[in-house]
N, C-alpha and C. Protein backbone atom coordinates (compact mmCIF):
# COMPACT_ATOMS: atom_id res chain seq x y z
N UNK A 1 83.96 -23.71 -37.06
CA UNK A 1 84.34 -23.52 -35.66
C UNK A 1 84.38 -22.03 -35.36
N UNK A 2 83.81 -21.63 -34.26
CA UNK A 2 83.78 -20.21 -33.91
C UNK A 2 84.97 -19.86 -33.05
N UNK A 3 85.22 -18.54 -32.94
CA UNK A 3 86.33 -18.06 -32.13
C UNK A 3 86.07 -18.22 -30.64
N UNK A 4 84.83 -18.18 -30.24
CA UNK A 4 84.46 -18.28 -28.83
C UNK A 4 83.44 -19.38 -28.67
N UNK A 5 83.36 -19.96 -27.49
CA UNK A 5 82.36 -20.99 -27.23
C UNK A 5 81.58 -20.60 -25.99
N UNK A 6 80.27 -20.53 -26.13
CA UNK A 6 79.39 -20.31 -24.98
C UNK A 6 78.83 -21.66 -24.58
N UNK A 7 79.06 -22.04 -23.33
CA UNK A 7 78.49 -23.30 -22.84
C UNK A 7 76.97 -23.17 -22.86
N UNK A 8 76.30 -24.22 -23.21
CA UNK A 8 74.84 -24.15 -23.25
C UNK A 8 74.20 -25.09 -22.22
N UNK A 9 75.01 -25.85 -21.50
CA UNK A 9 74.41 -26.74 -20.52
C UNK A 9 74.23 -26.04 -19.18
N UNK A 10 73.47 -26.67 -18.30
CA UNK A 10 73.18 -26.06 -17.00
C UNK A 10 74.39 -26.06 -16.07
N UNK A 11 75.37 -26.92 -16.35
CA UNK A 11 76.55 -27.00 -15.49
C UNK A 11 77.44 -25.77 -15.62
N UNK A 12 77.50 -25.19 -16.80
CA UNK A 12 78.37 -24.04 -17.07
C UNK A 12 77.58 -22.94 -17.77
N UNK A 13 76.57 -22.35 -17.15
CA UNK A 13 75.74 -21.37 -17.86
C UNK A 13 76.53 -20.11 -18.20
N UNK A 14 76.54 -19.77 -19.49
CA UNK A 14 77.14 -18.52 -19.92
C UNK A 14 78.65 -18.47 -19.87
N UNK A 15 79.32 -19.61 -19.66
CA UNK A 15 80.78 -19.57 -19.57
C UNK A 15 81.38 -19.31 -20.95
N UNK A 16 82.44 -18.51 -20.99
CA UNK A 16 83.09 -18.15 -22.23
C UNK A 16 84.51 -18.69 -22.22
N UNK A 17 84.86 -19.40 -23.26
CA UNK A 17 86.23 -19.88 -23.39
C UNK A 17 86.92 -19.10 -24.50
N UNK A 18 88.15 -18.70 -24.24
CA UNK A 18 88.91 -17.97 -25.26
C UNK A 18 89.48 -18.95 -26.27
N UNK A 19 89.53 -18.54 -27.52
CA UNK A 19 90.07 -19.38 -28.58
C UNK A 19 91.58 -19.28 -28.61
N UNK A 20 92.17 -20.14 -29.44
CA UNK A 20 93.62 -20.09 -29.58
C UNK A 20 94.05 -18.78 -30.26
N UNK A 21 93.19 -18.19 -31.10
CA UNK A 21 93.57 -16.92 -31.74
C UNK A 21 93.64 -15.79 -30.70
N UNK A 22 92.77 -15.85 -29.69
CA UNK A 22 92.83 -14.86 -28.61
C UNK A 22 94.19 -14.94 -27.90
N UNK A 23 94.59 -16.14 -27.56
CA UNK A 23 95.88 -16.32 -26.87
C UNK A 23 97.03 -16.00 -27.83
N UNK A 24 96.85 -16.27 -29.11
CA UNK A 24 97.88 -15.92 -30.09
C UNK A 24 98.10 -14.42 -30.16
N UNK A 25 96.99 -13.64 -30.12
CA UNK A 25 97.11 -12.17 -30.12
C UNK A 25 97.78 -11.69 -28.83
N UNK A 26 97.47 -12.33 -27.71
CA UNK A 26 98.11 -11.95 -26.45
C UNK A 26 99.62 -12.17 -26.54
N UNK A 27 100.02 -13.33 -27.04
CA UNK A 27 101.45 -13.63 -27.19
C UNK A 27 102.09 -12.68 -28.19
N UNK A 28 101.40 -12.39 -29.29
CA UNK A 28 101.94 -11.46 -30.30
C UNK A 28 102.11 -10.06 -29.71
N UNK A 29 101.15 -9.61 -28.88
CA UNK A 29 101.25 -8.29 -28.25
C UNK A 29 102.42 -8.25 -27.29
N UNK A 30 102.59 -9.30 -26.52
CA UNK A 30 103.74 -9.39 -25.61
C UNK A 30 105.05 -9.38 -26.39
N UNK A 31 105.11 -10.18 -27.46
CA UNK A 31 106.33 -10.23 -28.29
C UNK A 31 106.60 -8.88 -28.94
N UNK A 32 105.56 -8.23 -29.45
CA UNK A 32 105.72 -6.90 -30.05
C UNK A 32 106.30 -5.92 -29.03
N UNK A 33 105.78 -5.96 -27.81
CA UNK A 33 106.28 -5.07 -26.76
C UNK A 33 107.74 -5.32 -26.45
N UNK A 34 108.10 -6.58 -26.27
CA UNK A 34 109.50 -6.92 -25.93
C UNK A 34 110.43 -6.58 -27.09
N UNK A 35 110.08 -7.02 -28.28
CA UNK A 35 110.94 -6.77 -29.45
C UNK A 35 110.97 -5.28 -29.78
N UNK A 36 109.82 -4.62 -29.71
CA UNK A 36 109.77 -3.18 -30.00
C UNK A 36 110.62 -2.37 -29.05
N UNK A 37 110.52 -2.67 -27.77
CA UNK A 37 111.34 -1.95 -26.78
C UNK A 37 112.81 -2.26 -27.00
N UNK A 38 113.14 -3.52 -27.29
CA UNK A 38 114.53 -3.89 -27.53
C UNK A 38 115.09 -3.13 -28.73
N UNK A 39 114.31 -3.05 -29.82
CA UNK A 39 114.75 -2.31 -31.01
C UNK A 39 114.97 -0.84 -30.67
N UNK A 40 114.06 -0.26 -29.91
CA UNK A 40 114.21 1.15 -29.51
C UNK A 40 115.46 1.35 -28.65
N UNK A 41 115.73 0.42 -27.75
CA UNK A 41 116.92 0.54 -26.90
C UNK A 41 118.18 0.46 -27.75
N UNK A 42 118.22 -0.47 -28.69
CA UNK A 42 119.42 -0.66 -29.52
C UNK A 42 119.60 0.47 -30.54
N UNK A 43 118.52 0.87 -31.20
CA UNK A 43 118.63 1.81 -32.31
C UNK A 43 118.44 3.27 -31.93
N UNK A 44 117.60 3.55 -30.93
CA UNK A 44 117.23 4.93 -30.64
C UNK A 44 117.90 5.45 -29.37
N UNK A 45 117.98 4.63 -28.33
CA UNK A 45 118.48 5.09 -27.04
C UNK A 45 119.87 5.73 -27.11
N UNK A 46 120.82 5.18 -27.88
CA UNK A 46 122.15 5.82 -27.91
C UNK A 46 122.12 7.28 -28.36
N UNK A 47 121.14 7.67 -29.19
CA UNK A 47 121.07 9.04 -29.67
C UNK A 47 120.19 9.96 -28.84
N UNK A 48 119.60 9.42 -27.78
CA UNK A 48 118.73 10.23 -26.93
C UNK A 48 119.60 11.21 -26.13
N UNK A 49 119.23 12.49 -26.11
CA UNK A 49 120.05 13.48 -25.41
C UNK A 49 119.91 13.34 -23.88
N UNK A 50 120.85 13.94 -23.19
CA UNK A 50 120.79 14.02 -21.73
C UNK A 50 120.73 15.50 -21.37
N UNK A 51 119.67 15.99 -20.76
CA UNK A 51 118.52 15.28 -20.21
C UNK A 51 117.60 14.76 -21.30
N UNK A 52 116.91 13.68 -20.97
CA UNK A 52 116.06 12.95 -21.89
C UNK A 52 114.63 13.48 -21.83
N UNK A 53 114.00 13.71 -22.99
CA UNK A 53 112.60 14.14 -22.96
C UNK A 53 111.70 13.01 -22.47
N UNK A 54 110.70 13.34 -21.67
CA UNK A 54 109.74 12.36 -21.17
C UNK A 54 108.31 12.78 -21.46
N UNK A 55 108.13 13.97 -22.00
CA UNK A 55 106.78 14.44 -22.34
C UNK A 55 106.88 15.41 -23.50
N UNK A 56 105.90 15.34 -24.39
CA UNK A 56 105.85 16.23 -25.54
C UNK A 56 104.50 16.94 -25.55
N UNK A 57 104.49 18.18 -25.99
CA UNK A 57 103.22 18.91 -26.08
C UNK A 57 102.51 18.52 -27.37
N UNK A 58 101.36 19.12 -27.61
CA UNK A 58 100.56 18.78 -28.78
C UNK A 58 101.24 19.09 -30.10
N UNK A 59 102.21 19.98 -30.09
CA UNK A 59 102.94 20.32 -31.31
C UNK A 59 104.13 19.39 -31.55
N UNK A 60 104.33 18.41 -30.64
CA UNK A 60 105.44 17.48 -30.79
C UNK A 60 106.75 17.99 -30.24
N UNK A 61 106.72 19.07 -29.46
CA UNK A 61 107.92 19.64 -28.88
C UNK A 61 108.08 19.14 -27.45
N UNK A 62 109.27 18.63 -27.13
CA UNK A 62 109.52 18.12 -25.78
C UNK A 62 109.37 19.25 -24.77
N UNK A 63 108.60 18.99 -23.71
CA UNK A 63 108.42 20.01 -22.67
C UNK A 63 108.59 19.44 -21.26
N UNK A 64 109.06 18.21 -21.16
CA UNK A 64 109.36 17.59 -19.87
C UNK A 64 110.62 16.76 -20.02
N UNK A 65 111.54 16.87 -19.08
CA UNK A 65 112.83 16.22 -19.19
C UNK A 65 113.22 15.54 -17.88
N UNK A 66 114.10 14.55 -18.00
CA UNK A 66 114.68 13.88 -16.84
C UNK A 66 116.10 13.46 -17.23
N UNK A 67 116.99 13.23 -16.24
CA UNK A 67 118.32 12.75 -16.61
C UNK A 67 118.22 11.44 -17.41
N UNK A 68 119.09 11.30 -18.41
CA UNK A 68 119.06 10.12 -19.27
C UNK A 68 119.30 8.87 -18.44
N UNK A 69 118.41 7.91 -18.63
CA UNK A 69 118.49 6.66 -17.88
C UNK A 69 117.88 5.55 -18.72
N UNK A 70 118.58 4.44 -18.82
CA UNK A 70 118.08 3.31 -19.60
C UNK A 70 116.77 2.79 -19.02
N UNK A 71 116.68 2.70 -17.70
CA UNK A 71 115.46 2.23 -17.05
C UNK A 71 114.27 3.12 -17.36
N UNK A 72 114.49 4.42 -17.29
CA UNK A 72 113.40 5.37 -17.60
C UNK A 72 112.99 5.24 -19.06
N UNK A 73 113.96 5.09 -19.96
CA UNK A 73 113.67 4.94 -21.38
C UNK A 73 112.84 3.68 -21.64
N UNK A 74 113.25 2.57 -21.04
CA UNK A 74 112.51 1.31 -21.20
C UNK A 74 111.10 1.44 -20.65
N UNK A 75 110.96 2.11 -19.51
CA UNK A 75 109.63 2.30 -18.92
C UNK A 75 108.72 3.11 -19.84
N UNK A 76 109.25 4.17 -20.42
CA UNK A 76 108.45 5.00 -21.33
C UNK A 76 108.11 4.24 -22.60
N UNK A 77 109.10 3.56 -23.18
CA UNK A 77 108.88 2.82 -24.42
C UNK A 77 107.91 1.66 -24.23
N UNK A 78 107.94 1.04 -23.07
CA UNK A 78 107.09 -0.12 -22.82
C UNK A 78 105.73 0.18 -22.24
N UNK A 79 105.45 1.45 -21.99
CA UNK A 79 104.19 1.82 -21.34
C UNK A 79 102.96 1.41 -22.15
N UNK A 80 102.94 1.67 -23.43
CA UNK A 80 101.79 1.31 -24.27
C UNK A 80 101.54 -0.18 -24.29
N UNK A 81 102.54 -0.99 -24.67
CA UNK A 81 102.33 -2.44 -24.65
C UNK A 81 101.95 -2.97 -23.26
N UNK A 82 102.53 -2.40 -22.21
CA UNK A 82 102.20 -2.83 -20.85
C UNK A 82 100.72 -2.61 -20.56
N UNK A 83 100.19 -1.44 -20.88
CA UNK A 83 98.78 -1.17 -20.61
C UNK A 83 97.87 -2.06 -21.45
N UNK A 84 98.29 -2.37 -22.67
CA UNK A 84 97.49 -3.29 -23.48
C UNK A 84 97.44 -4.67 -22.83
N UNK A 85 98.56 -5.12 -22.27
CA UNK A 85 98.57 -6.41 -21.57
C UNK A 85 97.73 -6.35 -20.30
N UNK A 86 97.68 -5.20 -19.64
CA UNK A 86 96.82 -5.04 -18.47
C UNK A 86 95.35 -5.21 -18.86
N UNK A 87 94.98 -4.67 -20.03
CA UNK A 87 93.59 -4.84 -20.49
C UNK A 87 93.28 -6.31 -20.73
N UNK A 88 94.22 -7.05 -21.34
CA UNK A 88 94.03 -8.49 -21.49
C UNK A 88 93.77 -9.13 -20.12
N UNK A 89 94.54 -8.74 -19.13
CA UNK A 89 94.38 -9.28 -17.78
C UNK A 89 93.03 -8.95 -17.18
N UNK A 90 92.58 -7.73 -17.37
CA UNK A 90 91.26 -7.33 -16.85
C UNK A 90 90.16 -8.17 -17.48
N UNK A 91 90.25 -8.42 -18.78
CA UNK A 91 89.25 -9.24 -19.46
C UNK A 91 89.25 -10.66 -18.88
N UNK A 92 90.42 -11.18 -18.55
CA UNK A 92 90.49 -12.51 -17.95
C UNK A 92 89.86 -12.53 -16.57
N UNK A 93 90.05 -11.47 -15.80
CA UNK A 93 89.41 -11.38 -14.48
C UNK A 93 87.89 -11.34 -14.63
N UNK A 94 87.41 -10.55 -15.58
CA UNK A 94 85.97 -10.48 -15.83
C UNK A 94 85.43 -11.85 -16.23
N UNK A 95 86.17 -12.56 -17.09
CA UNK A 95 85.74 -13.90 -17.51
C UNK A 95 85.70 -14.85 -16.32
N UNK A 96 86.69 -14.75 -15.43
CA UNK A 96 86.72 -15.62 -14.24
C UNK A 96 85.56 -15.31 -13.31
N UNK A 97 85.26 -14.04 -13.13
CA UNK A 97 84.12 -13.65 -12.28
C UNK A 97 82.83 -14.16 -12.90
N UNK A 98 82.72 -14.02 -14.23
CA UNK A 98 81.52 -14.49 -14.92
C UNK A 98 81.36 -16.01 -14.77
N UNK A 99 82.46 -16.75 -14.81
CA UNK A 99 82.40 -18.20 -14.62
C UNK A 99 81.92 -18.56 -13.23
N UNK A 100 82.28 -17.73 -12.24
CA UNK A 100 81.92 -18.01 -10.86
C UNK A 100 80.47 -17.72 -10.53
N UNK A 101 79.80 -16.91 -11.33
CA UNK A 101 78.41 -16.54 -11.07
C UNK A 101 77.50 -17.71 -11.41
N UNK A 102 76.64 -18.07 -10.49
CA UNK A 102 75.69 -19.16 -10.72
C UNK A 102 74.28 -18.67 -10.36
N UNK A 103 73.63 -17.98 -11.32
CA UNK A 103 72.30 -17.45 -11.04
C UNK A 103 71.30 -18.58 -10.82
N UNK A 104 70.30 -18.29 -10.00
CA UNK A 104 69.31 -19.30 -9.66
C UNK A 104 68.03 -19.21 -10.47
N UNK A 105 67.65 -18.03 -10.92
CA UNK A 105 66.38 -17.92 -11.64
C UNK A 105 66.61 -17.60 -13.11
N UNK A 106 65.54 -17.69 -13.90
CA UNK A 106 65.64 -17.48 -15.34
C UNK A 106 66.09 -16.10 -15.74
N UNK A 107 65.61 -15.05 -15.05
CA UNK A 107 65.99 -13.68 -15.39
C UNK A 107 67.47 -13.46 -15.15
N UNK A 108 67.97 -13.98 -14.04
CA UNK A 108 69.40 -13.82 -13.74
C UNK A 108 70.24 -14.60 -14.75
N UNK A 109 69.77 -15.78 -15.13
CA UNK A 109 70.48 -16.59 -16.13
C UNK A 109 70.52 -15.87 -17.47
N UNK A 110 69.42 -15.25 -17.86
CA UNK A 110 69.38 -14.49 -19.12
C UNK A 110 70.37 -13.33 -19.08
N UNK A 111 70.44 -12.63 -17.93
CA UNK A 111 71.40 -11.53 -17.79
C UNK A 111 72.83 -12.03 -17.91
N UNK A 112 73.11 -13.17 -17.30
CA UNK A 112 74.46 -13.72 -17.39
C UNK A 112 74.77 -14.14 -18.82
N UNK A 113 73.80 -14.70 -19.52
CA UNK A 113 74.04 -15.09 -20.91
C UNK A 113 74.34 -13.86 -21.78
N UNK A 114 73.63 -12.76 -21.56
CA UNK A 114 73.90 -11.52 -22.32
C UNK A 114 75.29 -11.00 -22.04
N UNK A 115 75.68 -10.99 -20.77
CA UNK A 115 77.05 -10.56 -20.42
C UNK A 115 78.07 -11.47 -21.09
N UNK A 116 77.78 -12.76 -21.11
CA UNK A 116 78.70 -13.72 -21.73
C UNK A 116 78.81 -13.50 -23.22
N UNK A 117 77.70 -13.16 -23.87
CA UNK A 117 77.74 -12.88 -25.31
C UNK A 117 78.62 -11.67 -25.58
N UNK A 118 78.47 -10.62 -24.78
CA UNK A 118 79.31 -9.43 -24.93
C UNK A 118 80.77 -9.73 -24.67
N UNK A 119 81.03 -10.55 -23.65
CA UNK A 119 82.41 -10.93 -23.33
C UNK A 119 83.02 -11.76 -24.45
N UNK A 120 82.23 -12.66 -25.03
CA UNK A 120 82.73 -13.47 -26.14
C UNK A 120 83.12 -12.60 -27.33
N UNK A 121 82.28 -11.62 -27.65
CA UNK A 121 82.58 -10.72 -28.76
C UNK A 121 83.81 -9.87 -28.43
N UNK A 122 83.88 -9.40 -27.19
CA UNK A 122 85.04 -8.60 -26.77
C UNK A 122 86.33 -9.40 -26.93
N UNK A 123 86.32 -10.63 -26.45
CA UNK A 123 87.52 -11.46 -26.55
C UNK A 123 87.86 -11.77 -28.01
N UNK A 124 86.84 -11.92 -28.83
CA UNK A 124 87.08 -12.24 -30.24
C UNK A 124 87.87 -11.14 -30.93
N UNK A 125 87.59 -9.89 -30.61
CA UNK A 125 88.20 -8.77 -31.34
C UNK A 125 89.26 -8.01 -30.56
N UNK A 126 89.36 -8.24 -29.28
CA UNK A 126 90.29 -7.46 -28.46
C UNK A 126 91.75 -7.70 -28.84
N UNK A 127 92.09 -8.90 -29.22
CA UNK A 127 93.48 -9.23 -29.54
C UNK A 127 94.08 -8.36 -30.63
N UNK A 128 93.43 -8.35 -31.79
CA UNK A 128 93.99 -7.56 -32.90
C UNK A 128 93.99 -6.08 -32.56
N UNK A 129 92.96 -5.63 -31.82
CA UNK A 129 92.86 -4.21 -31.46
C UNK A 129 94.02 -3.80 -30.55
N UNK A 130 94.27 -4.58 -29.51
CA UNK A 130 95.35 -4.22 -28.58
C UNK A 130 96.73 -4.37 -29.22
N UNK A 131 96.89 -5.34 -30.11
CA UNK A 131 98.14 -5.47 -30.85
C UNK A 131 98.40 -4.21 -31.67
N UNK A 132 97.37 -3.76 -32.39
CA UNK A 132 97.51 -2.55 -33.21
C UNK A 132 97.76 -1.32 -32.35
N UNK A 133 97.10 -1.23 -31.20
CA UNK A 133 97.33 -0.09 -30.30
C UNK A 133 98.77 -0.09 -29.79
N UNK A 134 99.30 -1.26 -29.45
CA UNK A 134 100.69 -1.35 -29.00
C UNK A 134 101.64 -0.88 -30.10
N UNK A 135 101.36 -1.31 -31.32
CA UNK A 135 102.21 -0.90 -32.45
C UNK A 135 102.16 0.61 -32.65
N UNK A 136 100.97 1.21 -32.53
CA UNK A 136 100.84 2.66 -32.68
C UNK A 136 101.63 3.41 -31.61
N UNK A 137 101.52 2.97 -30.37
CA UNK A 137 102.23 3.64 -29.28
C UNK A 137 103.74 3.50 -29.47
N UNK A 138 104.21 2.31 -29.83
CA UNK A 138 105.65 2.13 -30.06
C UNK A 138 106.13 3.02 -31.21
N UNK A 139 105.32 3.15 -32.26
CA UNK A 139 105.71 4.02 -33.39
C UNK A 139 105.77 5.48 -32.95
N UNK A 140 104.82 5.90 -32.13
CA UNK A 140 104.84 7.28 -31.64
C UNK A 140 106.06 7.54 -30.77
N UNK A 141 106.40 6.61 -29.90
CA UNK A 141 107.59 6.75 -29.05
C UNK A 141 108.85 6.78 -29.92
N UNK A 142 108.91 5.89 -30.91
CA UNK A 142 110.08 5.85 -31.79
C UNK A 142 110.26 7.18 -32.52
N UNK A 143 109.19 7.73 -33.03
CA UNK A 143 109.31 9.02 -33.73
C UNK A 143 109.69 10.14 -32.77
N UNK A 144 109.13 10.11 -31.57
CA UNK A 144 109.45 11.15 -30.59
C UNK A 144 110.92 11.17 -30.19
N UNK A 145 111.50 9.99 -30.04
CA UNK A 145 112.89 9.90 -29.60
C UNK A 145 113.91 9.89 -30.73
N UNK A 146 113.47 9.59 -31.95
CA UNK A 146 114.43 9.47 -33.04
C UNK A 146 114.77 10.80 -33.70
N UNK A 147 114.06 11.85 -33.33
CA UNK A 147 114.33 13.15 -33.92
C UNK A 147 113.60 13.35 -35.24
N UNK A 148 112.74 12.42 -35.62
CA UNK A 148 112.00 12.55 -36.89
C UNK A 148 110.56 12.97 -36.65
N UNK A 149 110.23 13.37 -35.43
CA UNK A 149 108.84 13.71 -35.12
C UNK A 149 108.46 15.04 -35.76
N UNK A 150 107.17 15.17 -35.98
CA UNK A 150 106.65 16.41 -36.52
C UNK A 150 105.44 16.82 -35.70
N UNK A 151 104.94 18.00 -35.96
CA UNK A 151 103.80 18.48 -35.20
C UNK A 151 102.54 17.70 -35.55
N UNK A 152 102.56 16.91 -36.62
CA UNK A 152 101.40 16.15 -37.05
C UNK A 152 101.34 14.75 -36.42
N UNK A 153 102.40 14.33 -35.76
CA UNK A 153 102.45 12.98 -35.21
C UNK A 153 101.30 12.68 -34.26
N UNK A 154 101.03 13.58 -33.34
CA UNK A 154 99.96 13.35 -32.37
C UNK A 154 98.61 13.27 -33.08
N UNK A 155 98.37 14.16 -34.03
CA UNK A 155 97.11 14.13 -34.78
C UNK A 155 96.96 12.82 -35.55
N UNK A 156 98.00 12.39 -36.23
CA UNK A 156 97.96 11.13 -36.98
C UNK A 156 97.71 9.97 -36.02
N UNK A 157 98.38 9.98 -34.87
CA UNK A 157 98.20 8.94 -33.86
C UNK A 157 96.75 8.90 -33.38
N UNK A 158 96.19 10.06 -33.05
CA UNK A 158 94.82 10.11 -32.54
C UNK A 158 93.80 9.70 -33.60
N UNK A 159 94.03 10.08 -34.86
CA UNK A 159 93.14 9.65 -35.94
C UNK A 159 93.21 8.13 -36.11
N UNK A 160 94.42 7.57 -36.02
CA UNK A 160 94.57 6.12 -36.13
C UNK A 160 93.87 5.40 -34.97
N UNK A 161 94.00 5.93 -33.76
CA UNK A 161 93.32 5.35 -32.61
C UNK A 161 91.80 5.43 -32.81
N UNK A 162 91.31 6.56 -33.25
CA UNK A 162 89.88 6.72 -33.51
C UNK A 162 89.41 5.72 -34.57
N UNK A 163 90.16 5.61 -35.66
CA UNK A 163 89.78 4.70 -36.75
C UNK A 163 89.77 3.25 -36.27
N UNK A 164 90.80 2.85 -35.54
CA UNK A 164 90.84 1.49 -35.00
C UNK A 164 89.66 1.22 -34.08
N UNK A 165 89.37 2.19 -33.22
CA UNK A 165 88.26 2.03 -32.28
C UNK A 165 86.93 1.96 -33.02
N UNK A 166 86.77 2.76 -34.06
CA UNK A 166 85.54 2.72 -34.86
C UNK A 166 85.37 1.36 -35.52
N UNK A 167 86.46 0.82 -36.07
CA UNK A 167 86.40 -0.51 -36.68
C UNK A 167 86.04 -1.55 -35.62
N UNK A 168 86.64 -1.45 -34.44
CA UNK A 168 86.32 -2.38 -33.35
C UNK A 168 84.84 -2.33 -33.00
N UNK A 169 84.30 -1.13 -32.84
CA UNK A 169 82.89 -0.99 -32.48
C UNK A 169 81.99 -1.57 -33.58
N UNK A 170 82.31 -1.29 -34.84
CA UNK A 170 81.48 -1.78 -35.95
C UNK A 170 81.50 -3.31 -36.00
N UNK A 171 82.69 -3.92 -35.97
CA UNK A 171 82.74 -5.38 -36.09
C UNK A 171 82.19 -6.06 -34.83
N UNK A 172 82.42 -5.48 -33.66
CA UNK A 172 81.89 -6.07 -32.44
C UNK A 172 80.37 -5.98 -32.41
N UNK A 173 79.83 -4.84 -32.82
CA UNK A 173 78.37 -4.68 -32.86
C UNK A 173 77.75 -5.64 -33.86
N UNK A 174 78.41 -5.82 -34.97
CA UNK A 174 77.92 -6.75 -35.99
C UNK A 174 77.88 -8.19 -35.46
N UNK A 175 78.84 -8.54 -34.59
CA UNK A 175 78.92 -9.90 -34.08
C UNK A 175 78.02 -10.18 -32.89
N UNK A 176 77.46 -9.13 -32.27
CA UNK A 176 76.55 -9.37 -31.15
C UNK A 176 75.25 -9.99 -31.66
N UNK A 177 74.76 -11.01 -30.99
CA UNK A 177 73.49 -11.58 -31.43
C UNK A 177 72.35 -10.61 -31.20
N UNK A 178 71.40 -10.61 -32.08
CA UNK A 178 70.23 -9.75 -31.94
C UNK A 178 69.26 -10.32 -30.91
N UNK A 179 68.18 -9.60 -30.63
CA UNK A 179 67.20 -10.07 -29.63
C UNK A 179 66.62 -11.43 -29.97
N UNK A 180 66.41 -11.71 -31.25
CA UNK A 180 65.84 -13.00 -31.63
C UNK A 180 66.81 -14.14 -31.32
N UNK A 181 68.11 -13.88 -31.47
CA UNK A 181 69.11 -14.91 -31.20
C UNK A 181 69.26 -15.19 -29.72
N UNK A 182 68.84 -14.29 -28.86
CA UNK A 182 68.99 -14.48 -27.42
C UNK A 182 67.91 -15.39 -26.83
N UNK A 183 66.86 -15.59 -27.57
CA UNK A 183 65.73 -16.40 -27.04
C UNK A 183 65.98 -17.85 -27.14
């Protein structure tokens, strides 16, 4: 059984259905965001100084501040997981638009099938990628507010993001069907 299903009949040309693992990653990302922010509020927020840092420079030194506020802290801590969930939403909108397209000729149908193949591969790998990105952002926020940050944190974060993205591109490219498979 594959992670994605492309309809092959004329009634649903190029339609992509998400697998249960895709929805599992979405739920895991949401849970990570909620639990991660809750842990930060309970363990880190009490030690956050007033005024509270809201921005750090490349060396890891706070250079932007605001009065300490639980709402502001939650907003900053939840920003990474929130944007990852927004990407999940965008992919669902793209899938819905793709389902609504009903091309009339063979060339248009072939184009829709190619888009559907790319969407299927994207959905197959997006879950683990966005979960890992959420975890990285929460870890960076935790280090920034816990007083254990170093000037290397941003570099380590960016290298991890680059490595994750490289793995995503490699595995997604490997899963795309070649020209012979499209015929």
